[in-house]
Amino acid sequence: MGTGKTLLMTYLSQIAKFDNVYSNYFINDEKIGVLGLNHLDFKNKNYKIPPNDSLILFDEIFLYMNGDKPEENNKKFSRLIPFFLLCRQFDNNIIFAGQRINQNWVEYREITNMIIVPM
């Protein structure tokens, strides 16, 4: 039995006032796109970054970025930090959901507005 993090994010995808909504899991709504971390890398020309005024939902983010392995994250994901830092400039919001706050990589945990963790 879960605590409702994914349900809450799915609900937010339906009520949010954003032009574009993306998630890293399938939501049965043709207006919502599915993306991965590669879409947030400005230098990766194989993927299109989300446009301005986007809501981006990442469920179980620790499966991608393990907060207990900062050195590994710095090697694999350091190119994502500019996107995280510039989200506000593009009117984008990212919501991360994880099991425990300390499992979230400090590089995005310190600049984020909201991380959903169970009580």
PDB file of N, CA and C in Angstrom:
ATOM      1  N   MET A   1       0.842  -1.179   0.000  1.00  0.00           N
ATOM      2  CA  MET A   1       0.000   0.000   0.000  1.00  0.00           C
ATOM      3  C   MET A   1       0.884   1.238   0.000  1.00  0.00           C
ATOM      4  N   GLY A   2       0.639   2.134  -0.932  1.00  0.00           N
ATOM      5  CA  GLY A   2       1.429   3.357  -1.035  1.00  0.00           C
ATOM      6  C   GLY A   2       0.880   4.467  -0.165  1.00  0.00           C
ATOM      7  N   THR A   3       1.538   5.599  -0.241  1.00  0.00           N
ATOM      8  CA  THR A   3       1.118   6.756   0.548  1.00  0.00           C
ATOM      9  C   THR A   3       0.435   7.819  -0.299  1.00  0.00           C
ATOM     10  N   GLY A   4       0.334   7.599  -1.605  1.00  0.00           N
ATOM     11  CA  GLY A   4      -0.405   8.514  -2.460  1.00  0.00           C
ATOM     12  C   GLY A   4       0.425   9.553  -3.189  1.00  0.00           C
ATOM     13  N   LYS A   5       1.742   9.404  -3.205  1.00  0.00           N
ATOM     14  CA  LYS A   5       2.586  10.393  -3.892  1.00  0.00           C
ATOM     15  C   LYS A   5       2.284  10.434  -5.386  1.00  0.00           C
ATOM     16  N   THR A   6       2.242   9.276  -6.014  1.00  0.00           N
ATOM     17  CA  THR A   6       1.977   9.216  -7.458  1.00  0.00           C
ATOM     18  C   THR A   6       0.564   9.704  -7.753  1.00  0.00           C
ATOM     19  N   LEU A   7      -0.375   9.333  -6.918  1.00  0.00           N
ATOM     20  CA  LEU A   7      -1.751   9.798  -7.094  1.00  0.00           C
ATOM     21  C   LEU A   7      -1.817  11.320  -6.994  1.00  0.00           C
ATOM     22  N   LEU A   8      -1.106  11.891  -6.032  1.00  0.00           N
ATOM     23  CA  LEU A   8      -1.090  13.350  -5.880  1.00  0.00           C
ATOM     24  C   LEU A   8      -0.489  14.018  -7.114  1.00  0.00           C
ATOM     25  N   MET A   9       0.609  13.479  -7.613  1.00  0.00           N
ATOM     26  CA  MET A   9       1.220  14.078  -8.806  1.00  0.00           C
ATOM     27  C   MET A   9       0.311  13.929 -10.019  1.00  0.00           C
ATOM     28  N   THR A  10      -0.348  12.801 -10.149  1.00  0.00           N
ATOM     29  CA  THR A  10      -1.280  12.613 -11.261  1.00  0.00           C
ATOM     30  C   THR A  10      -2.433  13.609 -11.152  1.00  0.00           C
ATOM     31  N   TYR A  11      -2.930  13.830  -9.945  1.00  0.00           N
ATOM     32  CA  TYR A  11      -3.977  14.822  -9.715  1.00  0.00           C
ATOM     33  C   TYR A  11      -3.479  16.220 -10.103  1.00  0.00           C
ATOM     34  N   LEU A  12      -2.261  16.553  -9.693  1.00  0.00           N
ATOM     35  CA  LEU A  12      -1.689  17.851 -10.061  1.00  0.00           C
ATOM     36  C   LEU A  12      -1.590  18.007 -11.573  1.00  0.00           C
ATOM     37  N   SER A  13      -1.301  16.914 -12.267  1.00  0.00           N
ATOM     38  CA  SER A  13      -1.202  16.986 -13.733  1.00  0.00           C
ATOM     39  C   SER A  13      -2.534  17.372 -14.364  1.00  0.00           C
ATOM     40  N   GLN A  14      -3.624  17.057 -13.693  1.00  0.00           N
ATOM     41  CA  GLN A  14      -4.947  17.335 -14.229  1.00  0.00           C
ATOM     42  C   GLN A  14      -5.452  18.732 -13.880  1.00  0.00           C
ATOM     43  N   ILE A  15      -5.029  19.271 -12.743  1.00  0.00           N
ATOM     44  CA  ILE A  15      -5.559  20.570 -12.311  1.00  0.00           C
ATOM     45  C   ILE A  15      -4.584  21.727 -12.525  1.00  0.00           C
ATOM     46  N   ALA A  16      -3.337  21.424 -12.843  1.00  0.00           N
ATOM     47  CA  ALA A  16      -2.316  22.468 -12.980  1.00  0.00           C
ATOM     48  C   ALA A  16      -2.624  23.386 -14.152  1.00  0.00           C
ATOM     49  N   LYS A  17      -2.306  24.635 -13.989  1.00  0.00           N
ATOM     50  CA  LYS A  17      -2.541  25.649 -15.019  1.00  0.00           C
ATOM     51  C   LYS A  17      -1.259  25.896 -15.815  1.00  0.00           C
ATOM     52  N   PHE A  18      -0.736  24.856 -16.418  1.00  0.00           N
ATOM     53  CA  PHE A  18       0.460  24.948 -17.249  1.00  0.00           C
ATOM     54  C   PHE A  18       0.085  24.609 -18.676  1.00  0.00           C
ATOM     55  N   ASP A  19       0.805  25.227 -19.614  1.00  0.00           N
ATOM     56  CA  ASP A  19       0.567  24.911 -21.025  1.00  0.00           C
ATOM     57  C   ASP A  19       0.988  23.491 -21.364  1.00  0.00           C
ATOM     58  N   ASN A  20       2.011  22.988 -20.665  1.00  0.00           N
ATOM     59  CA  ASN A  20       2.573  21.677 -20.971  1.00  0.00           C
ATOM     60  C   ASN A  20       2.794  20.906 -19.680  1.00  0.00           C
ATOM     61  N   VAL A  21       2.477  19.629 -19.700  1.00  0.00           N
ATOM     62  CA  VAL A  21       2.707  18.761 -18.546  1.00  0.00           C
ATOM     63  C   VAL A  21       3.426  17.514 -19.037  1.00  0.00           C
ATOM     64  N   TYR A  22       4.474  17.137 -18.304  1.00  0.00           N
ATOM     65  CA  TYR A  22       5.260  15.948 -18.621  1.00  0.00           C
ATOM     66  C   TYR A  22       5.473  15.147 -17.348  1.00  0.00           C
ATOM     67  N   SER A  23       5.612  13.846 -17.492  1.00  0.00           N
ATOM     68  CA  SER A  23       5.943  13.002 -16.349  1.00  0.00           C
ATOM     69  C   SER A  23       6.856  11.875 -16.800  1.00  0.00           C
ATOM     70  N   ASN A  24       7.519  11.251 -15.831  1.00  0.00           N
ATOM     71  CA  ASN A  24       8.378  10.125 -16.166  1.00  0.00           C
ATOM     72  C   ASN A  24       7.624   8.801 -16.059  1.00  0.00           C
ATOM     73  N   TYR A  25       6.325   8.870 -15.906  1.00  0.00           N
ATOM     74  CA  TYR A  25       5.475   7.679 -15.897  1.00  0.00           C
ATOM     75  C   TYR A  25       4.244   7.973 -16.757  1.00  0.00           C
ATOM     76  N   PHE A  26       3.630   6.926 -17.258  1.00  0.00           N
ATOM     77  CA  PHE A  26       2.491   7.087 -18.165  1.00  0.00           C
ATOM     78  C   PHE A  26       1.257   7.546 -17.402  1.00  0.00           C
ATOM     79  N   ILE A  27       0.632   8.604 -17.901  1.00  0.00           N
ATOM     80  CA  ILE A  27      -0.662   9.079 -17.414  1.00  0.00           C
ATOM     81  C   ILE A  27      -1.594   9.023 -18.612  1.00  0.00           C
ATOM     82  N   ASN A  28      -2.715   8.397 -18.452  1.00  0.00           N
ATOM     83  CA  ASN A  28      -3.641   8.171 -19.563  1.00  0.00           C
ATOM     84  C   ASN A  28      -4.358   9.472 -19.939  1.00  0.00           C
ATOM     85  N   ASP A  29      -3.599  10.368 -20.541  1.00  0.00           N
ATOM     86  CA  ASP A  29      -4.107  11.664 -20.978  1.00  0.00           C
ATOM     87  C   ASP A  29      -3.223  12.098 -22.142  1.00  0.00           C
ATOM     88  N   GLU A  30      -3.812  12.274 -23.309  1.00  0.00           N
ATOM     89  CA  GLU A  30      -3.016  12.576 -24.507  1.00  0.00           C
ATOM     90  C   GLU A  30      -2.304  13.919 -24.436  1.00  0.00           C
ATOM     91  N   LYS A  31      -2.711  14.804 -23.522  1.00  0.00           N
ATOM     92  CA  LYS A  31      -2.060  16.106 -23.386  1.00  0.00           C
ATOM     93  C   LYS A  31      -0.782  16.035 -22.548  1.00  0.00           C
ATOM     94  N   ILE A  32      -0.541  14.903 -21.893  1.00  0.00           N
ATOM     95  CA  ILE A  32       0.606  14.769 -21.000  1.00  0.00           C
ATOM     96  C   ILE A  32       1.680  13.929 -21.666  1.00  0.00           C
ATOM     97  N   GLY A  33       2.859  14.511 -21.788  1.00  0.00           N
ATOM     98  CA  GLY A  33       3.975  13.811 -22.413  1.00  0.00           C
ATOM     99  C   GLY A  33       4.781  13.020 -21.400  1.00  0.00           C
ATOM    100  N   VAL A  34       5.455  12.000 -21.888  1.00  0.00           N
ATOM    101  CA  VAL A  34       6.346  11.197 -21.053  1.00  0.00           C
ATOM    102  C   VAL A  34       7.778  11.587 -21.399  1.00  0.00           C
ATOM    103  N   LEU A  35       8.592  11.809 -20.384  1.00  0.00           N
ATOM    104  CA  LEU A  35       9.987  12.168 -20.625  1.00  0.00           C
ATOM    105  C   LEU A  35      10.886  11.522 -19.587  1.00  0.00           C
ATOM    106  N   GLY A  36      12.174  11.599 -19.852  1.00  0.00           N
ATOM    107  CA  GLY A  36      13.187  11.105 -18.926  1.00  0.00           C
ATOM    108  C   GLY A  36      14.184  12.206 -18.634  1.00  0.00           C
ATOM    109  N   LEU A  37      15.189  11.886 -17.861  1.00  0.00           N
ATOM    110  CA  LEU A  37      16.185  12.890 -17.489  1.00  0.00           C
ATOM    111  C   LEU A  37      16.951  13.431 -18.685  1.00  0.00           C
ATOM    112  N   ASN A  38      17.081  12.637 -19.748  1.00  0.00           N
ATOM    113  CA  ASN A  38      17.793  13.112 -20.942  1.00  0.00           C
ATOM    114  C   ASN A  38      17.136  14.339 -21.560  1.00  0.00           C
ATOM    115  N   HIS A  39      15.844  14.512 -21.337  1.00  0.00           N
ATOM    116  CA  HIS A  39      15.126  15.666 -21.882  1.00  0.00           C
ATOM    117  C   HIS A  39      15.486  16.970 -21.168  1.00  0.00           C
ATOM    118  N   LEU A  40      16.182  16.877 -20.045  1.00  0.00           N
ATOM    119  CA  LEU A  40      16.529  18.066 -19.264  1.00  0.00           C
ATOM    120  C   LEU A  40      17.977  18.489 -19.468  1.00  0.00           C
ATOM    121  N   ASP A  41      18.647  17.876 -20.416  1.00  0.00           N
ATOM    122  CA  ASP A  41      20.056  18.145 -20.685  1.00  0.00           C
ATOM    123  C   ASP A  41      20.160  19.045 -21.916  1.00  0.00           C
ATOM    124  N   PHE A  42      20.546  20.302 -21.712  1.00  0.00           N
ATOM    125  CA  PHE A  42      20.638  21.259 -22.815  1.00  0.00           C
ATOM    126  C   PHE A  42      21.588  20.805 -23.916  1.00  0.00           C
ATOM    127  N   LYS A  43      22.618  20.044 -23.565  1.00  0.00           N
ATOM    128  CA  LYS A  43      23.634  19.641 -24.537  1.00  0.00           C
ATOM    129  C   LYS A  43      23.291  18.357 -25.273  1.00  0.00           C
ATOM    130  N   ASN A  44      22.274  17.655 -24.838  1.00  0.00           N
ATOM    131  CA  ASN A  44      21.889  16.404 -25.491  1.00  0.00           C
ATOM    132  C   ASN A  44      20.929  16.734 -26.630  1.00  0.00           C
ATOM    133  N   LYS A  45      21.433  16.736 -27.831  1.00  0.00           N
ATOM    134  CA  LYS A  45      20.635  17.136 -28.999  1.00  0.00           C
ATOM    135  C   LYS A  45      19.682  16.041 -29.476  1.00  0.00           C
ATOM    136  N   ASN A  46      19.744  14.854 -28.871  1.00  0.00           N
ATOM    137  CA  ASN A  46      18.841  13.763 -29.254  1.00  0.00           C
ATOM    138  C   ASN A  46      17.449  13.929 -28.650  1.00  0.00           C
ATOM    139  N   TYR A  47      17.323  14.813 -27.657  1.00  0.00           N
ATOM    140  CA  TYR A  47      16.051  15.002 -26.974  1.00  0.00           C
ATOM    141  C   TYR A  47      15.700  16.479 -26.955  1.00  0.00           C
ATOM    142  N   LYS A  48      14.431  16.768 -27.084  1.00  0.00           N
ATOM    143  CA  LYS A  48      13.948  18.140 -27.042  1.00  0.00           C
ATOM    144  C   LYS A  48      13.630  18.496 -25.592  1.00  0.00           C
ATOM    145  N   ILE A  49      14.170  19.613 -25.104  1.00  0.00           N
ATOM    146  CA  ILE A  49      13.874  20.009 -23.732  1.00  0.00           C
ATOM    147  C   ILE A  49      12.436  20.522 -23.657  1.00  0.00           C
ATOM    148  N   PRO A  50      11.793  20.409 -22.499  1.00  0.00           N
ATOM    149  CA  PRO A  50      10.421  20.897 -22.365  1.00  0.00           C
ATOM    150  C   PRO A  50      10.347  22.398 -22.628  1.00  0.00           C
ATOM    151  N   PRO A  51       9.284  22.850 -23.275  1.00  0.00           N
ATOM    152  CA  PRO A  51       9.135  24.279 -23.561  1.00  0.00           C
ATOM    153  C   PRO A  51       8.794  25.073 -22.304  1.00  0.00           C
ATOM    154  N   ASN A  52       8.788  26.389 -22.459  1.00  0.00           N
ATOM    155  CA  ASN A  52       8.398  27.259 -21.352  1.00  0.00           C
ATOM    156  C   ASN A  52       7.003  26.903 -20.861  1.00  0.00           C
ATOM    157  N   ASP A  53       6.749  27.246 -19.605  1.00  0.00           N
ATOM    158  CA  ASP A  53       5.457  27.025 -18.957  1.00  0.00           C
ATOM    159  C   ASP A  53       5.101  25.541 -18.916  1.00  0.00           C
ATOM    160  N   SER A  54       6.032  24.753 -18.383  1.00  0.00           N
ATOM    161  CA  SER A  54       5.816  23.310 -18.264  1.00  0.00           C
ATOM    162  C   SER A  54       5.829  22.884 -16.800  1.00  0.00           C
ATOM    163  N   LEU A  55       5.008  21.899 -16.500  1.00  0.00           N
ATOM    164  CA  LEU A  55       5.051  21.190 -15.227  1.00  0.00           C
ATOM    165  C   LEU A  55       5.684  19.840 -15.517  1.00  0.00           C
ATOM    166  N   ILE A  56       6.730  19.499 -14.767  1.00  0.00           N
ATOM    167  CA  ILE A  56       7.467  18.263 -14.991  1.00  0.00           C
ATOM    168  C   ILE A  56       7.407  17.441 -13.712  1.00  0.00           C
ATOM    169  N   LEU A  57       6.889  16.233 -13.816  1.00  0.00           N
ATOM    170  CA  LEU A  57       6.695  15.358 -12.664  1.00  0.00           C
ATOM    171  C   LEU A  57       7.654  14.180 -12.739  1.00  0.00           C
ATOM    172  N   PHE A  58       8.446  13.984 -11.678  1.00  0.00           N
ATOM    173  CA  PHE A  58       9.353  12.836 -11.605  1.00  0.00           C
ATOM    174  C   PHE A  58       9.003  12.005 -10.384  1.00  0.00           C
ATOM    175  N   ASP A  59       8.477  10.826 -10.633  1.00  0.00           N
ATOM    176  CA  ASP A  59       8.122   9.901  -9.562  1.00  0.00           C
ATOM    177  C   ASP A  59       9.301   8.983  -9.271  1.00  0.00           C
ATOM    178  N   GLU A  60       9.490   8.661  -7.992  1.00  0.00           N
ATOM    179  CA  GLU A  60      10.559   7.757  -7.544  1.00  0.00           C
ATOM    180  C   GLU A  60      11.910   8.180  -8.125  1.00  0.00           C
ATOM    181  N   ILE A  61      12.245   9.448  -7.940  1.00  0.00           N
ATOM    182  CA  ILE A  61      13.451  10.018  -8.539  1.00  0.00           C
ATOM    183  C   ILE A  61      14.718   9.315  -8.081  1.00  0.00           C
ATOM    184  N   PHE A  62      14.704   8.732  -6.886  1.00  0.00           N
ATOM    185  CA  PHE A  62      15.910   8.068  -6.391  1.00  0.00           C
ATOM    186  C   PHE A  62      16.283   6.849  -7.220  1.00  0.00           C
ATOM    187  N   LEU A  63      15.355   6.336  -8.018  1.00  0.00           N
ATOM    188  CA  LEU A  63      15.692   5.225  -8.912  1.00  0.00           C
ATOM    189  C   LEU A  63      16.650   5.681 -10.011  1.00  0.00           C
ATOM    190  N   TYR A  64      16.634   6.968 -10.315  1.00  0.00           N
ATOM    191  CA  TYR A  64      17.526   7.539 -11.323  1.00  0.00           C
ATOM    192  C   TYR A  64      18.777   8.131 -10.681  1.00  0.00           C
ATOM    193  N   MET A  65      18.555   8.922  -9.638  1.00  0.00           N
ATOM    194  CA  MET A  65      19.645   9.624  -8.952  1.00  0.00           C
ATOM    195  C   MET A  65      19.628   9.216  -7.489  1.00  0.00           C
ATOM    196  N   ASN A  66      20.560   8.393  -7.103  1.00  0.00           N
ATOM    197  CA  ASN A  66      20.633   7.925  -5.729  1.00  0.00           C
ATOM    198  C   ASN A  66      21.334   8.976  -4.878  1.00  0.00           C
ATOM    199  N   GLY A  67      20.614   9.541  -3.931  1.00  0.00           N
ATOM    200  CA  GLY A  67      21.174  10.572  -3.066  1.00  0.00           C
ATOM    201  C   GLY A  67      22.335  10.097  -2.217  1.00  0.00           C
ATOM    202  N   ASP A  68      22.475   8.785  -2.051  1.00  0.00           N
ATOM    203  CA  ASP A  68      23.578   8.225  -1.274  1.00  0.00           C
ATOM    204  C   ASP A  68      24.868   8.129  -2.077  1.00  0.00           C
ATOM    205  N   LYS A  69      24.821   8.450  -3.365  1.00  0.00           N
ATOM    206  CA  LYS A  69      25.996   8.332  -4.233  1.00  0.00           C
ATOM    207  C   LYS A  69      26.265   9.651  -4.968  1.00  0.00           C
ATOM    208  N   PRO A  70      26.622  10.705  -4.225  1.00  0.00           N
ATOM    209  CA  PRO A  70      26.798  12.013  -4.866  1.00  0.00           C
ATOM    210  C   PRO A  70      27.897  12.047  -5.922  1.00  0.00           C
ATOM    211  N   GLU A  71      28.993  11.315  -5.709  1.00  0.00           N
ATOM    212  CA  GLU A  71      30.077  11.317  -6.702  1.00  0.00           C
ATOM    213  C   GLU A  71      29.593  10.725  -8.021  1.00  0.00           C
ATOM    214  N   GLU A  72      28.846   9.630  -7.928  1.00  0.00           N
ATOM    215  CA  GLU A  72      28.295   9.001  -9.136  1.00  0.00           C
ATOM    216  C   GLU A  72      27.314   9.941  -9.830  1.00  0.00           C
ATOM    217  N   ASN A  73      26.474  10.605  -9.049  1.00  0.00           N
ATOM    218  CA  ASN A  73      25.517  11.557  -9.621  1.00  0.00           C
ATOM    219  C   ASN A  73      26.231  12.716 -10.304  1.00  0.00           C
ATOM    220  N   ASN A  74      27.305  13.211  -9.675  1.00  0.00           N
ATOM    221  CA  ASN A  74      28.051  14.319 -10.277  1.00  0.00           C
ATOM    222  C   ASN A  74      28.605  13.936 -11.638  1.00  0.00           C
ATOM    223  N   LYS A  75      29.043  12.703 -11.790  1.00  0.00           N
ATOM    224  CA  LYS A  75      29.561  12.239 -13.079  1.00  0.00           C
ATOM    225  C   LYS A  75      28.449  12.065 -14.102  1.00  0.00           C
ATOM    226  N   LYS A  76      27.350  11.444 -13.680  1.00  0.00           N
ATOM    227  CA  LYS A  76      26.288  11.084 -14.619  1.00  0.00           C
ATOM    228  C   LYS A  76      25.307  12.215 -14.909  1.00  0.00           C
ATOM    229  N   PHE A  77      25.061  13.087 -13.929  1.00  0.00           N
ATOM    230  CA  PHE A  77      23.948  14.029 -14.053  1.00  0.00           C
ATOM    231  C   PHE A  77      24.327  15.497 -13.906  1.00  0.00           C
ATOM    232  N   SER A  78      25.610  15.820 -13.873  1.00  0.00           N
ATOM    233  CA  SER A  78      25.998  17.221 -13.664  1.00  0.00           C
ATOM    234  C   SER A  78      25.468  18.130 -14.776  1.00  0.00           C
ATOM    235  N   ARG A  79      25.223  17.580 -15.957  1.00  0.00           N
ATOM    236  CA  ARG A  79      24.707  18.401 -17.060  1.00  0.00           C
ATOM    237  C   ARG A  79      23.239  18.779 -16.866  1.00  0.00           C
ATOM    238  N   LEU A  80      22.568  18.187 -15.884  1.00  0.00           N
ATOM    239  CA  LEU A  80      21.172  18.535 -15.611  1.00  0.00           C
ATOM    240  C   LEU A  80      21.051  19.743 -14.689  1.00  0.00           C
ATOM    241  N   ILE A  81      22.092  20.036 -13.941  1.00  0.00           N
ATOM    242  CA  ILE A  81      22.028  21.120 -12.962  1.00  0.00           C
ATOM    243  C   ILE A  81      21.654  22.455 -13.606  1.00  0.00           C
ATOM    244  N   PRO A  82      22.199  22.824 -14.777  1.00  0.00           N
ATOM    245  CA  PRO A  82      21.755  24.085 -15.392  1.00  0.00           C
ATOM    246  C   PRO A  82      20.244  24.128 -15.635  1.00  0.00           C
ATOM    247  N   PHE A  83      19.654  23.009 -16.045  1.00  0.00           N
ATOM    248  CA  PHE A  83      18.205  23.009 -16.259  1.00  0.00           C
ATOM    249  C   PHE A  83      17.478  23.236 -14.940  1.00  0.00           C
ATOM    250  N   PHE A  84      17.912  22.539 -13.879  1.00  0.00           N
ATOM    251  CA  PHE A  84      17.277  22.721 -12.573  1.00  0.00           C
ATOM    252  C   PHE A  84      17.372  24.177 -12.127  1.00  0.00           C
ATOM    253  N   LEU A  85      18.542  24.787 -12.314  1.00  0.00           N
ATOM    254  CA  LEU A  85      18.740  26.171 -11.881  1.00  0.00           C
ATOM    255  C   LEU A  85      17.942  27.168 -12.712  1.00  0.00           C
ATOM    256  N   LEU A  86      17.747  26.874 -13.984  1.00  0.00           N
ATOM    257  CA  LEU A  86      17.077  27.818 -14.888  1.00  0.00           C
ATOM    258  C   LEU A  86      15.576  27.580 -15.036  1.00  0.00           C
ATOM    259  N   CYS A  87      15.046  26.605 -14.343  1.00  0.00           N
ATOM    260  CA  CYS A  87      13.613  26.304 -14.479  1.00  0.00           C
ATOM    261  C   CYS A  87      12.737  27.529 -14.278  1.00  0.00           C
ATOM    262  N   ARG A  88      13.046  28.302 -13.277  1.00  0.00           N
ATOM    263  CA  ARG A  88      12.214  29.476 -12.985  1.00  0.00           C
ATOM    264  C   ARG A  88      12.270  30.496 -14.112  1.00  0.00           C
ATOM    265  N   GLN A  89      13.434  30.600 -14.779  1.00  0.00           N
ATOM    266  CA  GLN A  89      13.562  31.537 -15.894  1.00  0.00           C
ATOM    267  C   GLN A  89      12.646  31.151 -17.050  1.00  0.00           C
ATOM    268  N   PHE A  90      12.365  29.864 -17.182  1.00  0.00           N
ATOM    269  CA  PHE A  90      11.515  29.362 -18.261  1.00  0.00           C
ATOM    270  C   PHE A  90      10.076  29.125 -17.802  1.00  0.00           C
ATOM    271  N   ASP A  91       9.746  29.554 -16.588  1.00  0.00           N
ATOM    272  CA  ASP A  91       8.417  29.310 -16.007  1.00  0.00           C
ATOM    273  C   ASP A  91       8.088  27.825 -15.956  1.00  0.00           C
ATOM    274  N   ASN A  92       9.101  27.008 -15.704  1.00  0.00           N
ATOM    275  CA  ASN A  92       8.900  25.571 -15.555  1.00  0.00           C
ATOM    276  C   ASN A  92       8.948  25.203 -14.082  1.00  0.00           C
ATOM    277  N   ASN A  93       8.204  24.190 -13.713  1.00  0.00           N
ATOM    278  CA  ASN A  93       8.220  23.661 -12.360  1.00  0.00           C
ATOM    279  C   ASN A  93       8.452  22.167 -12.435  1.00  0.00           C
ATOM    280  N   ILE A  94       9.346  21.674 -11.584  1.00  0.00           N
ATOM    281  CA  ILE A  94       9.596  20.242 -11.489  1.00  0.00           C
ATOM    282  C   ILE A  94       9.183  19.798 -10.100  1.00  0.00           C
ATOM    283  N   ILE A  95       8.427  18.721 -10.037  1.00  0.00           N
ATOM    284  CA  ILE A  95       8.064  18.118  -8.759  1.00  0.00           C
ATOM    285  C   ILE A  95       8.682  16.729  -8.723  1.00  0.00           C
ATOM    286  N   PHE A  96       9.470  16.476  -7.679  1.00  0.00           N
ATOM    287  CA  PHE A  96      10.098  15.177  -7.472  1.00  0.00           C
ATOM    288  C   PHE A  96       9.357  14.445  -6.364  1.00  0.00           C
ATOM    289  N   ALA A  97       9.167  13.156  -6.524  1.00  0.00           N
ATOM    290  CA  ALA A  97       8.604  12.325  -5.458  1.00  0.00           C
ATOM    291  C   ALA A  97       9.618  11.247  -5.120  1.00  0.00           C
ATOM    292  N   GLY A  98       9.816  11.028  -3.837  1.00  0.00           N
ATOM    293  CA  GLY A  98      10.751  10.006  -3.383  1.00  0.00           C
ATOM    294  C   GLY A  98      10.307   9.436  -2.056  1.00  0.00           C
ATOM    295  N   GLN A  99      10.981   8.395  -1.627  1.00  0.00           N
ATOM    296  CA  GLN A  99      10.603   7.718  -0.392  1.00  0.00           C
ATOM    297  C   GLN A  99      11.072   8.462   0.856  1.00  0.00           C
ATOM    298  N   ARG A 100      12.323   8.936   0.828  1.00  0.00           N
ATOM    299  CA  ARG A 100      12.879   9.645   1.983  1.00  0.00           C
ATOM    300  C   ARG A 100      13.621  10.880   1.483  1.00  0.00           C
ATOM    301  N   ILE A 101      13.568  11.946   2.243  1.00  0.00           N
ATOM    302  CA  ILE A 101      14.175  13.203   1.810  1.00  0.00           C
ATOM    303  C   ILE A 101      15.675  13.052   1.577  1.00  0.00           C
ATOM    304  N   ASN A 102      16.366  12.277   2.393  1.00  0.00           N
ATOM    305  CA  ASN A 102      17.814  12.131   2.239  1.00  0.00           C
ATOM    306  C   ASN A 102      18.202  11.283   1.041  1.00  0.00           C
ATOM    307  N   GLN A 103      17.262  10.580   0.436  1.00  0.00           N
ATOM    308  CA  GLN A 103      17.563   9.817  -0.772  1.00  0.00           C
ATOM    309  C   GLN A 103      17.654  10.727  -1.991  1.00  0.00           C
ATOM    310  N   ASN A 104      17.230  11.947  -1.846  1.00  0.00           N
ATOM    311  CA  ASN A 104      17.244  12.889  -2.963  1.00  0.00           C
ATOM    312  C   ASN A 104      18.594  13.588  -3.033  1.00  0.00           C
ATOM    313  N   TRP A 105      19.154  13.631  -4.229  1.00  0.00           N
ATOM    314  CA  TRP A 105      20.474  14.207  -4.467  1.00  0.00           C
ATOM    315  C   TRP A 105      20.494  15.655  -4.014  1.00  0.00           C
ATOM    316  N   VAL A 106      21.481  16.020  -3.231  1.00  0.00           N
ATOM    317  CA  VAL A 106      21.575  17.353  -2.651  1.00  0.00           C
ATOM    318  C   VAL A 106      21.597  18.446  -3.722  1.00  0.00           C
ATOM    319  N   GLU A 107      22.124  18.161  -4.906  1.00  0.00           N
ATOM    320  CA  GLU A 107      22.212  19.171  -5.966  1.00  0.00           C
ATOM    321  C   GLU A 107      20.842  19.680  -6.411  1.00  0.00           C
ATOM    322  N   TYR A 108      19.820  18.855  -6.387  1.00  0.00           N
ATOM    323  CA  TYR A 108      18.493  19.379  -6.719  1.00  0.00           C
ATOM    324  C   TYR A 108      17.653  19.587  -5.475  1.00  0.00           C
ATOM    325  N   ARG A 109      17.952  18.881  -4.411  1.00  0.00           N
ATOM    326  CA  ARG A 109      17.178  19.036  -3.178  1.00  0.00           C
ATOM    327  C   ARG A 109      17.283  20.453  -2.639  1.00  0.00           C
ATOM    328  N   GLU A 110      18.455  21.079  -2.761  1.00  0.00           N
ATOM    329  CA  GLU A 110      18.659  22.412  -2.196  1.00  0.00           C
ATOM    330  C   GLU A 110      18.037  23.532  -3.016  1.00  0.00           C
ATOM    331  N   ILE A 111      17.695  23.282  -4.269  1.00  0.00           N
ATOM    332  CA  ILE A 111      17.140  24.358  -5.102  1.00  0.00           C
ATOM    333  C   ILE A 111      15.685  24.132  -5.468  1.00  0.00           C
ATOM    334  N   THR A 112      15.108  23.063  -4.985  1.00  0.00           N
ATOM    335  CA  THR A 112      13.746  22.726  -5.387  1.00  0.00           C
ATOM    336  C   THR A 112      12.715  23.411  -4.497  1.00  0.00           C
ATOM    337  N   ASN A 113      11.533  23.607  -5.036  1.00  0.00           N
ATOM    338  CA  ASN A 113      10.432  24.183  -4.269  1.00  0.00           C
ATOM    339  C   ASN A 113       9.641  23.123  -3.524  1.00  0.00           C
ATOM    340  N   MET A 114       9.535  21.934  -4.116  1.00  0.00           N
ATOM    341  CA  MET A 114       8.708  20.905  -3.506  1.00  0.00           C
ATOM    342  C   MET A 114       9.268  19.528  -3.821  1.00  0.00           C
ATOM    343  N   ILE A 115       9.408  18.720  -2.784  1.00  0.00           N
ATOM    344  CA  ILE A 115       9.704  17.303  -2.929  1.00  0.00           C
ATOM    345  C   ILE A 115       8.646  16.584  -2.118  1.00  0.00           C
ATOM    346  N   ILE A 116       7.949  15.662  -2.743  1.00  0.00           N
ATOM    347  CA  ILE A 116       6.885  14.939  -2.054  1.00  0.00           C
ATOM    348  C   ILE A 116       7.473  13.675  -1.449  1.00  0.00           C
ATOM    349  N   VAL A 117       7.389  13.564  -0.121  1.00  0.00           N
ATOM    350  CA  VAL A 117       7.840  12.364   0.578  1.00  0.00           C
ATOM    351  C   VAL A 117       6.717  11.910   1.501  1.00  0.00           C
ATOM    352  N   PRO A 118       6.635  10.604   1.780  1.00  0.00           N
ATOM    353  CA  PRO A 118       5.554  10.115   2.633  1.00  0.00           C
ATOM    354  C   PRO A 118       5.745  10.544   4.079  1.00  0.00           C
ATOM    355  N   MET A 119       4.661  10.591   4.805  1.00  0.00           N
ATOM    356  CA  MET A 119       4.696  10.931   6.238  1.00  0.00           C
ATOM    357  C   MET A 119       4.840   9.677   7.054  1.00  0.00           C
TER     358      MET A 119
END
